[in-house]
Protein backbone atom coordinates (compact mmCIF):
# COMPACT_ATOMS: atom_id res chain seq x y z
CA MET A 1 4.38 17.20 -13.26
CA LYS A 2 5.74 14.66 -10.80
CA ASN A 3 7.33 11.25 -11.39
CA HIS A 4 5.87 8.38 -9.35
CA LEU A 5 6.79 4.72 -9.07
CA ILE A 6 3.98 2.33 -8.11
CA ILE A 7 5.00 -1.20 -7.20
CA GLY A 8 1.99 -3.28 -8.23
CA SER A 9 -0.25 -1.34 -10.61
CA SER A 10 -2.13 -4.06 -12.47
CA SER A 11 -5.06 -4.37 -10.06
CA GLY A 12 -6.77 -3.01 -6.97
CA ILE A 13 -5.56 0.13 -5.23
CA GLY A 14 -2.36 0.44 -7.25
CA ASN A 15 -4.30 0.42 -10.49
CA ALA A 16 -6.80 3.01 -9.25
CA LEU A 17 -4.01 5.23 -7.92
CA GLY A 18 -1.99 5.07 -11.13
CA THR A 19 -5.04 6.07 -13.16
CA MET A 20 -5.71 9.04 -10.85
CA LEU A 21 -2.11 10.24 -11.07
CA LEU A 22 -2.12 10.06 -14.85
CA GLU A 23 -5.40 11.98 -15.00
CA ARG A 24 -3.94 14.83 -12.97
CA GLY A 25 -0.97 15.09 -15.31
CA ASP A 26 1.75 13.23 -13.43
CA ARG A 27 4.03 10.63 -14.95
CA VAL A 28 3.61 7.07 -13.66
CA PHE A 29 6.17 4.27 -13.72
CA SER A 30 4.98 0.95 -12.37
CA THR A 31 5.48 -2.77 -12.05
CA PHE A 32 3.29 -5.79 -12.58
CA ARG A 33 3.82 -9.44 -11.76
CA SER A 34 1.77 -11.15 -14.50
CA ASN A 35 -1.03 -8.95 -15.85
CA ALA A 36 0.71 -6.59 -18.25
CA ALA A 37 -2.51 -5.52 -19.97
CA GLN A 38 -3.89 -3.96 -16.77
CA ALA A 39 -0.68 -2.24 -15.63
CA VAL A 40 -0.72 1.56 -15.54
CA GLY A 41 1.80 3.99 -17.01
CA GLU A 42 5.26 2.94 -18.13
CA ALA A 43 5.31 -0.55 -16.67
CA GLN A 44 7.89 -3.30 -16.25
CA GLN A 45 7.47 -6.87 -15.08
CA LEU A 46 8.80 -7.59 -11.61
CA ASP A 47 8.62 -10.35 -9.03
CA VAL A 48 9.05 -8.34 -5.82
CA LEU A 49 10.32 -11.41 -3.96
CA GLU A 50 13.21 -12.09 -6.31
CA GLY A 51 13.58 -9.51 -9.07
CA THR A 52 15.22 -6.11 -9.24
CA LEU A 53 14.00 -3.00 -11.00
CA ASP A 54 15.34 -2.05 -14.40
CA LEU A 55 16.53 1.40 -13.37
CA ASP A 56 17.20 2.37 -16.97
CA ARG A 57 13.42 2.59 -17.35
CA ILE A 58 12.97 4.89 -14.35
CA PRO A 59 13.91 8.61 -14.32
CA ASP A 60 16.81 9.95 -12.31
CA VAL A 61 14.39 11.96 -10.15
CA LEU A 62 11.42 10.27 -8.45
CA ASP A 63 8.88 12.27 -6.46
CA GLY A 64 6.79 9.36 -5.22
CA PHE A 65 7.20 5.69 -4.28
CA VAL A 66 4.15 3.55 -3.48
CA TYR A 67 4.40 -0.11 -2.42
CA CYS A 68 1.14 -2.02 -2.97
CA PRO A 69 1.81 -5.81 -2.80
CA GLY A 70 0.11 -7.64 0.05
CA ARG A 71 -1.58 -10.80 1.29
CA ILE A 72 -4.69 -11.52 3.34
CA ASP A 73 -4.05 -14.91 4.91
CA LEU A 74 -6.46 -15.29 7.84
CA LYS A 75 -6.24 -18.32 10.09
CA PRO A 76 -6.25 -19.30 13.80
CA PHE A 77 -2.94 -18.64 15.57
CA ALA A 78 -2.51 -22.40 16.21
CA ARG A 79 -2.42 -23.00 12.46
CA MET A 80 0.02 -20.21 11.66
CA THR A 81 3.38 -21.61 10.51
CA PRO A 82 6.79 -19.95 10.40
CA ASP A 83 6.92 -20.50 6.63
CA GLU A 84 3.59 -18.71 6.04
CA LEU A 85 4.59 -15.86 8.34
CA ARG A 86 7.90 -15.59 6.52
CA LYS A 87 6.04 -15.29 3.21
CA ASP A 88 4.00 -12.39 4.58
CA LEU A 89 7.08 -10.60 5.88
CA GLU A 90 9.02 -11.15 2.64
CA LEU A 91 6.20 -9.84 0.47
CA GLN A 92 4.86 -6.99 2.60
CA VAL A 93 7.98 -5.75 4.38
CA ILE A 94 11.25 -7.07 2.97
CA GLY A 95 10.15 -6.59 -0.63
CA GLY A 96 9.24 -2.98 0.10
CA VAL A 97 12.52 -2.36 1.92
CA ARG A 98 14.62 -3.83 -0.89
CA LEU A 99 12.92 -1.88 -3.67
CA LEU A 100 12.86 1.37 -1.72
CA GLN A 101 16.60 1.01 -1.14
CA GLN A 102 17.10 0.47 -4.87
CA VAL A 103 15.42 3.76 -5.84
CA LEU A 104 16.41 5.80 -2.78
CA PRO A 105 19.00 7.96 -4.62
CA ARG A 106 16.30 8.93 -7.13
CA LEU A 107 13.90 9.93 -4.35
CA LYS A 108 16.61 11.93 -2.60
CA ALA A 109 17.14 13.83 -5.85
CA SER A 110 13.60 15.24 -5.57
CA ASP A 111 12.92 18.52 -3.82
CA GLN A 112 10.18 16.83 -1.74
CA ALA A 113 9.63 13.10 -2.24
CA SER A 114 6.82 11.08 -0.72
CA VAL A 115 6.72 7.38 0.18
CA VAL A 116 3.43 5.58 0.81
CA PHE A 117 2.98 2.12 2.31
CA PHE A 118 -0.22 0.22 3.10
CA SER A 119 -1.00 -1.23 6.52
CA THR A 120 -4.35 -2.48 7.88
CA VAL A 121 -6.85 -1.52 10.55
CA ALA A 122 -6.09 -4.92 12.11
CA VAL A 123 -2.80 -3.59 13.54
CA GLU A 124 -4.58 -1.13 15.82
CA ASN A 125 -7.73 -3.21 16.36
CA GLY A 126 -7.53 -6.82 17.48
CA PHE A 127 -9.50 -9.16 15.20
CA ASN A 128 -9.86 -12.92 15.31
CA TYR A 129 -7.53 -14.81 12.95
CA HIS A 130 -5.55 -11.71 11.96
CA ALA A 131 -2.33 -12.43 13.90
CA GLN A 132 -0.26 -13.17 10.78
CA VAL A 133 -1.25 -10.10 8.79
CA ALA A 134 -1.05 -7.89 11.90
CA ILE A 135 2.54 -8.98 12.51
CA SER A 136 3.76 -8.05 9.04
CA LYS A 137 1.75 -4.85 8.74
CA GLY A 138 2.75 -3.85 12.27
CA ALA A 139 6.38 -4.11 11.18
CA LEU A 140 5.53 -1.91 8.21
CA GLU A 141 4.03 0.74 10.52
CA GLY A 142 7.23 0.78 12.58
CA LEU A 143 9.27 1.11 9.40
CA THR A 144 7.09 4.02 8.29
CA ARG A 145 7.74 6.03 11.44
CA SER A 146 11.44 5.22 11.53
CA LEU A 147 12.00 6.23 7.93
CA ALA A 148 9.96 9.39 8.36
CA ALA A 149 12.39 10.44 11.09
CA GLU A 150 15.47 9.40 9.14
CA PHE A 151 14.49 11.00 5.84
CA ALA A 152 13.06 14.31 7.09
CA PRO A 153 12.98 17.05 5.98
CA LYS A 154 13.37 16.26 2.26
CA MET A 155 11.31 13.06 2.14
CA ARG A 156 7.93 12.26 3.70
CA VAL A 157 6.92 8.70 4.64
CA ASN A 158 3.36 7.69 5.56
CA ALA A 159 1.18 4.61 5.58
CA ILE A 160 -2.52 4.13 4.93
CA ALA A 161 -4.38 1.64 7.10
CA PRO A 162 -7.60 0.57 5.34
CA SER A 163 -10.33 -1.71 6.54
CA LEU A 164 -11.79 -4.30 4.18
CA THR A 165 -11.68 -2.91 0.64
CA ASP A 166 -13.26 -4.28 -2.53
CA THR A 167 -10.14 -5.52 -4.31
CA PRO A 168 -9.18 -8.83 -5.96
CA LEU A 169 -7.08 -9.55 -2.86
CA ALA A 170 -10.20 -9.42 -0.67
CA ALA A 171 -12.44 -11.33 -3.10
CA PRO A 172 -12.67 -14.50 -0.94
CA LEU A 173 -14.05 -12.40 1.92
CA LEU A 174 -16.67 -10.81 -0.34
CA SER A 175 -17.62 -13.77 -2.51
CA THR A 176 -21.34 -13.80 -1.67
CA ASP A 177 -23.99 -11.17 -1.05
CA GLN A 178 -24.28 -12.43 2.53
CA LYS A 179 -20.55 -11.92 3.14
CA ARG A 180 -20.64 -8.46 1.61
CA ASP A 181 -23.66 -7.40 3.66
CA ALA A 182 -22.20 -8.79 6.89
CA ASN A 183 -18.84 -7.08 6.38
CA ALA A 184 -20.49 -3.81 5.40
CA ALA A 185 -22.61 -3.89 8.56
CA ARG A 186 -19.49 -4.12 10.77
CA HIS A 187 -18.43 -0.63 9.69
CA PRO A 188 -20.01 2.52 11.15
CA LEU A 189 -20.43 3.86 7.58
CA LYS A 190 -22.14 0.57 6.61
CA ARG A 191 -20.28 -0.16 3.42
CA ILE A 192 -17.15 -1.82 2.11
CA GLY A 193 -14.32 0.46 1.08
CA SER A 194 -13.64 1.00 -2.62
CA THR A 195 -10.27 1.19 -4.34
CA SER A 196 -10.92 4.87 -5.06
CA ASP A 197 -11.47 5.55 -1.33
CA ILE A 198 -7.93 4.40 -0.61
CA ALA A 199 -6.32 5.67 -3.81
CA GLU A 200 -7.63 9.19 -3.18
CA MET A 201 -5.77 9.30 0.12
CA ALA A 202 -2.59 7.94 -1.45
CA ALA A 203 -2.80 10.54 -4.23
CA PHE A 204 -3.21 13.25 -1.59
CA LEU A 205 -0.16 12.02 0.34
CA LEU A 206 1.90 12.11 -2.86
CA SER A 207 0.83 15.69 -3.58
CA ASP A 208 2.20 19.01 -2.34
CA LYS A 209 -1.08 19.46 -0.43
CA ALA A 210 0.28 16.95 2.10
CA SER A 211 3.66 18.67 2.44
CA TRP A 212 3.39 18.93 6.24
CA ILE A 213 2.37 15.31 6.84
CA THR A 214 4.90 12.61 7.63
CA GLY A 215 5.31 9.65 9.95
CA GLN A 216 1.55 9.08 10.04
CA ILE A 217 -0.57 5.95 9.92
CA ILE A 218 -3.75 7.27 8.32
CA HIS A 219 -6.90 5.22 8.80
CA VAL A 220 -9.27 5.11 5.86
CA ASP A 221 -11.56 2.47 7.27
CA GLY A 222 -15.21 3.53 7.36
CA GLY A 223 -14.83 4.45 11.04
CA MET A 224 -13.80 0.96 12.08
CA SER A 225 -10.77 2.02 14.15
CA SER A 226 -12.39 4.79 16.18
CA ILE A 227 -16.20 4.46 16.26
CA ARG A 228 -18.44 1.89 17.84
CA GLY A 229 -21.82 2.07 16.12
């Protein structure tokens, strides 16, 4: 049985991942911002932009750390403001850095800890109106590789780069049948990703089956990053 901390377990990928980990017999500690009823495992309320973890509610040894909070704020570059960009960086990068630093001694106490971040296919592929999200997630990819080098061999650090996934965060992009069909058609596999598609990869990266994988940006994107169909 492993101990995992999921930052953001009350919806989307974090919720699906926490459920999977519990089903396979692991112990899950997690955070939620406002929706306590949907949080998974032994959960505590946390605002990742301002709050700090209650470490008394987290075991001395952590085997996994997963950082799920994110934003999808698409707009033309000319309308991007420093304040909005700063919000993205604070939520998706600085929040993850601060919380990972807080639990780092607990991860180092594990025989083989695993850290999982989430990027986006838009870092590798250029898409219209994605400059803001690509900046923050690109920083997260750089952090992933740097930490993988620094923390080896006892700790693995990887990131998953999905394409559009059916989560509450992406709801505005999938709000009509026409939008769903159009977005599905853009992918070689002709469908939108599900939370379980992404959570399965995260669960694998947290497991001993991935013990020789670190410093990787793993694309789970319906073929978007590598196939032209």
